[in-house]
N, C-alpha and C. Protein backbone atom coordinates (compact mmCIF):
# COMPACT_ATOMS: atom_id res chain seq x y z
N MET A 1 0.87 -25.08 17.91
CA MET A 1 0.24 -23.90 18.68
C MET A 1 0.28 -22.28 17.65
N ILE A 2 1.28 -22.37 16.77
CA ILE A 2 1.21 -21.14 15.94
C ILE A 2 -0.57 -21.00 15.57
N GLY A 3 -1.32 -21.95 14.89
CA GLY A 3 -2.62 -21.53 14.49
C GLY A 3 -3.52 -21.09 15.76
N SER A 4 -3.50 -21.43 16.95
CA SER A 4 -3.62 -20.76 18.07
C SER A 4 -3.37 -19.60 18.75
N VAL A 5 -2.28 -18.73 18.24
CA VAL A 5 -2.00 -17.58 18.46
C VAL A 5 -2.48 -17.11 17.52
N GLY A 6 -2.72 -17.11 16.11
CA GLY A 6 -3.65 -15.80 15.55
C GLY A 6 -5.62 -15.77 16.02
N VAL A 7 -6.20 -16.78 16.93
CA VAL A 7 -7.33 -17.09 17.50
C VAL A 7 -7.04 -16.21 18.71
N GLU A 8 -6.01 -15.98 19.34
CA GLU A 8 -5.92 -15.05 20.23
C GLU A 8 -5.50 -13.26 19.77
N VAL A 9 -4.98 -13.48 19.20
CA VAL A 9 -4.31 -11.95 18.27
C VAL A 9 -5.88 -11.07 17.90
N GLU A 10 -6.20 -11.66 17.48
CA GLU A 10 -8.02 -11.50 16.82
C GLU A 10 -8.38 -10.18 17.72
N PRO A 11 -9.00 -10.83 18.84
CA PRO A 11 -9.88 -10.01 19.45
C PRO A 11 -8.79 -8.99 19.89
N VAL A 12 -7.73 -8.66 20.48
CA VAL A 12 -6.85 -7.61 20.41
C VAL A 12 -6.39 -6.66 19.74
N LEU A 13 -6.40 -7.39 18.16
CA LEU A 13 -6.37 -6.58 17.06
C LEU A 13 -7.91 -5.53 16.87
N ALA A 14 -9.16 -5.81 17.64
CA ALA A 14 -10.66 -5.62 16.95
C ALA A 14 -10.78 -4.81 17.88
N LEU A 15 -9.42 -4.43 19.18
CA LEU A 15 -9.97 -3.30 20.44
C LEU A 15 -9.88 -1.92 19.71
N ASP A 16 -10.49 -0.97 20.05
CA ASP A 16 -11.20 0.55 20.08
C ASP A 16 -9.69 1.04 20.67
N GLY A 17 -8.78 2.02 20.40
CA GLY A 17 -8.05 2.90 21.16
C GLY A 17 -6.89 1.93 21.39
N LEU A 18 -6.65 0.58 21.55
CA LEU A 18 -5.39 0.65 21.75
C LEU A 18 -4.37 1.19 20.86
N THR A 19 -3.13 1.29 21.52
CA THR A 19 -2.23 1.53 20.81
C THR A 19 -0.46 1.35 21.41
N VAL A 20 0.24 1.49 20.62
CA VAL A 20 1.62 1.21 20.91
C VAL A 20 2.71 2.03 20.85
N VAL A 21 3.10 2.51 21.84
CA VAL A 21 4.45 3.66 21.42
C VAL A 21 5.64 3.15 20.70
N SER A 22 6.13 3.38 19.84
CA SER A 22 6.75 2.56 19.13
C SER A 22 7.96 3.60 18.52
N ALA A 23 9.18 3.21 18.50
CA ALA A 23 10.28 3.75 17.58
C ALA A 23 10.59 2.71 16.43
N VAL A 24 9.91 2.06 15.51
CA VAL A 24 9.97 1.52 14.79
C VAL A 24 10.46 2.19 13.36
N ASP A 25 9.63 3.01 12.60
CA ASP A 25 10.01 3.68 11.79
C ASP A 25 11.09 4.57 12.05
N ASN A 26 11.49 5.43 13.27
CA ASN A 26 12.91 6.24 13.59
C ASN A 26 12.86 6.15 14.74
N PRO A 27 13.98 5.40 15.20
CA PRO A 27 14.62 5.27 16.54
C PRO A 27 14.66 6.50 17.64
N GLU A 28 14.83 7.40 16.63
CA GLU A 28 15.01 8.68 17.68
C GLU A 28 13.99 9.80 18.02
N LYS A 29 12.59 8.95 17.49
CA LYS A 29 10.79 9.66 17.32
C LYS A 29 10.35 8.36 17.40
N PRO A 30 10.24 8.11 19.02
CA PRO A 30 8.83 7.40 19.35
C PRO A 30 7.38 8.27 19.00
N VAL A 31 6.77 6.86 18.11
CA VAL A 31 4.98 7.59 18.02
C VAL A 31 4.42 6.67 18.47
N GLU A 32 3.02 7.12 18.88
CA GLU A 32 2.19 6.34 19.18
C GLU A 32 1.17 5.82 17.97
N LEU A 33 1.18 3.95 17.58
CA LEU A 33 0.31 3.59 16.78
C LEU A 33 -0.70 3.38 17.49
N GLY A 34 -1.27 2.81 15.95
CA GLY A 34 -2.49 1.90 16.53
C GLY A 34 -1.83 0.28 16.49
N VAL A 35 -2.65 -1.09 16.72
CA VAL A 35 -1.56 -1.99 16.90
C VAL A 35 -1.39 -2.74 15.65
N VAL A 36 -2.65 -2.78 14.34
CA VAL A 36 -2.59 -2.98 13.03
C VAL A 36 -1.30 -2.36 12.54
N GLU A 37 -1.31 -0.80 12.43
CA GLU A 37 -0.15 0.15 12.18
C GLU A 37 0.55 -0.24 12.42
N TRP A 38 1.20 -0.95 13.74
CA TRP A 38 2.70 -0.94 14.59
C TRP A 38 3.02 -2.33 13.81
N SER A 39 2.34 -3.73 13.80
CA SER A 39 2.35 -4.92 13.03
C SER A 39 2.68 -5.10 11.60
N LEU A 40 2.32 -4.03 10.78
CA LEU A 40 2.57 -3.63 9.68
C LEU A 40 3.85 -3.14 9.38
N ALA A 41 4.05 -1.90 10.47
CA ALA A 41 5.30 -1.38 10.22
C ALA A 41 6.73 -2.38 10.36
N TRP A 42 6.32 -3.01 11.45
CA TRP A 42 7.07 -4.35 11.86
C TRP A 42 7.43 -5.27 10.39
N GLU A 43 6.61 -5.65 9.95
CA GLU A 43 6.37 -6.58 8.76
C GLU A 43 7.37 -5.97 7.96
N THR A 44 6.76 -4.21 7.23
CA THR A 44 7.75 -4.11 6.34
C THR A 44 9.01 -3.73 6.91
N LYS A 45 9.94 -3.54 7.90
CA LYS A 45 10.81 -3.08 8.27
C LYS A 45 11.52 -4.36 8.18
N LEU A 46 10.67 -5.92 8.62
CA LEU A 46 11.81 -7.03 8.57
C LEU A 46 11.54 -7.73 7.24
N ARG A 47 10.58 -7.13 6.28
CA ARG A 47 11.05 -7.37 4.97
C ARG A 47 11.98 -6.65 4.24
N CYS A 48 12.61 -5.57 4.78
CA CYS A 48 13.96 -4.92 4.10
C CYS A 48 14.49 -5.52 4.65
N LEU A 49 14.93 -5.51 6.22
CA LEU A 49 16.39 -6.82 6.29
C LEU A 49 16.54 -7.98 5.87
N VAL A 50 15.40 -8.58 4.85
CA VAL A 50 15.79 -9.64 4.52
C VAL A 50 15.63 -9.48 2.85
N ASP A 51 15.40 -8.24 2.54
CA ASP A 51 15.03 -8.42 1.14
C ASP A 51 14.42 -9.12 0.29
N ASP A 52 12.95 -9.00 1.02
CA ASP A 52 11.95 -10.12 1.02
C ASP A 52 10.62 -9.47 -0.29
N GLU A 53 10.40 -10.00 -0.93
CA GLU A 53 9.17 -9.68 -1.80
C GLU A 53 7.90 -9.99 -0.83
N PRO A 54 6.87 -8.88 -0.60
CA PRO A 54 5.90 -9.08 -0.46
C PRO A 54 4.77 -10.19 -0.85
N GLY A 55 4.30 -10.80 -0.13
CA GLY A 55 2.93 -12.07 -0.43
C GLY A 55 1.78 -11.66 -0.81
N PRO A 56 0.60 -11.76 -0.80
CA PRO A 56 -0.54 -11.85 -1.44
C PRO A 56 -0.52 -10.99 -0.06
N THR A 57 -2.17 -10.19 -0.88
CA THR A 57 -2.60 -8.81 -0.11
C THR A 57 -3.69 -9.11 -0.28
N LEU A 58 -4.82 -8.54 0.73
CA LEU A 58 -6.08 -8.77 0.88
C LEU A 58 -7.11 -7.34 0.09
N ALA A 59 -5.66 -6.36 -0.23
CA ALA A 59 -6.24 -5.21 -0.73
C ALA A 59 -7.21 -5.24 -2.00
N ARG A 60 -7.85 -4.16 -2.00
CA ARG A 60 -8.42 -3.90 -3.09
C ARG A 60 -7.92 -2.78 -4.38
N CYS A 61 -7.82 -3.10 -5.34
CA CYS A 61 -7.50 -2.21 -6.53
C CYS A 61 -7.98 -1.42 -5.83
N SER A 62 -7.07 -0.24 -6.92
CA SER A 62 -8.04 1.23 -6.75
C SER A 62 -8.42 1.52 -7.90
N GLY A 63 -8.33 0.87 -8.87
CA GLY A 63 -8.65 1.00 -10.57
C GLY A 63 -10.16 0.33 -10.07
N CYS A 64 -10.37 -0.81 -9.84
CA CYS A 64 -11.54 -1.56 -10.27
C CYS A 64 -12.21 -1.92 -8.84
N GLY A 65 -11.55 -1.62 -7.57
CA GLY A 65 -12.42 -1.94 -6.27
C GLY A 65 -12.26 -3.51 -5.93
N LEU A 66 -12.30 -4.22 -6.75
CA LEU A 66 -11.81 -6.07 -6.49
C LEU A 66 -10.45 -6.86 -5.92
N ARG A 67 -10.50 -7.19 -5.14
CA ARG A 67 -9.58 -7.78 -4.42
C ARG A 67 -8.68 -8.77 -5.32
N ARG A 68 -7.86 -8.66 -6.43
CA ARG A 68 -7.28 -9.34 -7.38
C ARG A 68 -5.59 -8.76 -7.60
N LEU A 69 -5.01 -8.36 -6.35
CA LEU A 69 -3.66 -7.95 -7.11
C LEU A 69 -2.72 -8.68 -6.44
N LYS A 70 -1.92 -9.13 -7.31
CA LYS A 70 -0.85 -10.14 -7.54
C LYS A 70 0.40 -9.43 -7.70
N TRP A 71 1.72 -9.59 -6.45
CA TRP A 71 3.31 -9.20 -6.67
C TRP A 71 3.73 -9.33 -8.08
N GLU A 72 4.00 -8.36 -9.01
CA GLU A 72 4.72 -8.66 -10.01
C GLU A 72 6.13 -8.41 -9.96
N PRO A 73 7.30 -9.18 -9.37
CA PRO A 73 8.55 -8.70 -8.94
C PRO A 73 8.85 -7.97 -10.31
N ARG A 74 8.97 -8.34 -11.31
CA ARG A 74 9.76 -6.91 -12.15
C ARG A 74 9.47 -5.83 -12.50
N ALA A 75 7.79 -5.72 -12.29
CA ALA A 75 7.24 -4.51 -11.94
C ALA A 75 7.43 -3.73 -10.62
N ASP A 76 7.77 -4.41 -9.65
CA ASP A 76 7.95 -4.03 -8.22
C ASP A 76 6.88 -2.93 -7.65
N TYR A 77 5.56 -3.94 -8.19
CA TYR A 77 4.31 -3.45 -7.65
C TYR A 77 2.99 -4.58 -7.50
N TYR A 78 1.79 -3.97 -7.73
CA TYR A 78 0.98 -5.41 -7.27
C TYR A 78 0.20 -4.86 -8.23
N VAL A 79 -0.37 -5.71 -9.31
CA VAL A 79 -0.79 -5.36 -10.48
C VAL A 79 -2.52 -6.02 -10.23
N CYS A 80 -3.31 -5.64 -10.95
CA CYS A 80 -4.87 -5.97 -11.03
C CYS A 80 -4.54 -7.42 -11.96
N GLU A 81 -5.19 -8.24 -11.60
CA GLU A 81 -5.34 -9.66 -12.78
C GLU A 81 -7.00 -9.39 -12.94
N ASN A 82 -7.53 -8.02 -13.02
CA ASN A 82 -9.00 -8.12 -13.25
C ASN A 82 -8.63 -6.53 -14.86
N CYS A 83 -7.76 -5.60 -14.02
CA CYS A 83 -7.83 -4.63 -14.98
C CYS A 83 -6.62 -3.52 -14.95
N GLY A 84 -5.36 -4.57 -14.75
CA GLY A 84 -4.21 -4.30 -14.81
C GLY A 84 -3.51 -3.10 -14.35
N HIS A 85 -4.48 -2.63 -13.40
CA HIS A 85 -3.55 -0.98 -12.50
C HIS A 85 -2.74 -1.46 -11.75
N HIS A 86 -1.74 -0.72 -11.50
CA HIS A 86 -0.84 -0.90 -10.71
C HIS A 86 -0.61 -0.32 -8.94
N VAL A 87 -0.73 -0.71 -7.93
CA VAL A 87 -0.72 -0.13 -6.67
C VAL A 87 0.84 -0.84 -5.81
N SER A 88 1.42 0.55 -5.52
CA SER A 88 2.05 0.02 -4.64
C SER A 88 2.36 -0.80 -3.37
N GLU A 89 3.06 -1.20 -2.89
CA GLU A 89 2.90 -2.18 -1.46
C GLU A 89 3.01 -1.06 -0.56
N GLN A 90 3.46 -0.15 -0.91
CA GLN A 90 2.66 0.98 0.67
C GLN A 90 1.11 1.46 0.55
N GLU A 91 0.96 1.35 -0.54
CA GLU A 91 -0.57 2.00 -0.87
C GLU A 91 -1.82 0.66 -0.54
N ALA A 92 -1.49 -0.81 -0.90
CA ALA A 92 -1.70 -1.92 -0.69
C ALA A 92 -1.85 -1.56 0.86
N MET A 93 -0.77 -1.87 1.83
CA MET A 93 -0.77 -1.80 3.34
C MET A 93 -1.31 -0.93 3.88
N GLU A 94 -1.51 0.32 3.02
CA GLU A 94 -2.38 1.50 3.87
C GLU A 94 -3.88 0.95 3.66
N GLN A 95 -4.59 0.65 2.38
CA GLN A 95 -5.50 0.08 2.04
C GLN A 95 -5.87 -0.93 3.09
N VAL A 96 -5.30 -2.17 3.47
CA VAL A 96 -5.64 -2.98 4.55
C VAL A 96 -5.92 -2.08 5.73
N THR A 97 -4.79 -1.33 6.32
CA THR A 97 -5.15 -0.94 7.39
C THR A 97 -6.44 0.45 7.68
N GLU A 98 -6.71 0.28 6.68
CA GLU A 98 -8.17 1.76 6.46
C GLU A 98 -9.24 0.65 6.71
N GLU A 99 -8.86 -0.44 6.48
CA GLU A 99 -10.17 -1.45 6.11
C GLU A 99 -10.02 -2.07 7.39
N ALA A 100 -9.07 -2.41 7.74
CA ALA A 100 -9.09 -2.69 9.29
C ALA A 100 -9.68 -2.24 10.40
N GLY A 101 -9.37 -0.87 9.87
CA GLY A 101 -10.22 0.03 11.39
C GLY A 101 -8.82 0.71 12.28
């Protein structure tokens, strides 16, 4: 059943101008977010609650431009397997969001 949910969600995420009013970042100050930004904000919040490490990312390395970032727990950063450049979790999420449009 989960596999079919992803198929149904993709067309929704691709809609231009679709926004969500959310207080995920600040309960006292709801803001309008795109669906991708909203879902990434919830993912970040939930990870913080369970103190979970981030998983694989499709973000490009800001040093060499390749998608070779791997999470290194001891560094608390993604490290590019190609050039060794360090990318923070926030930076990686912002790059993915930007590419998603």
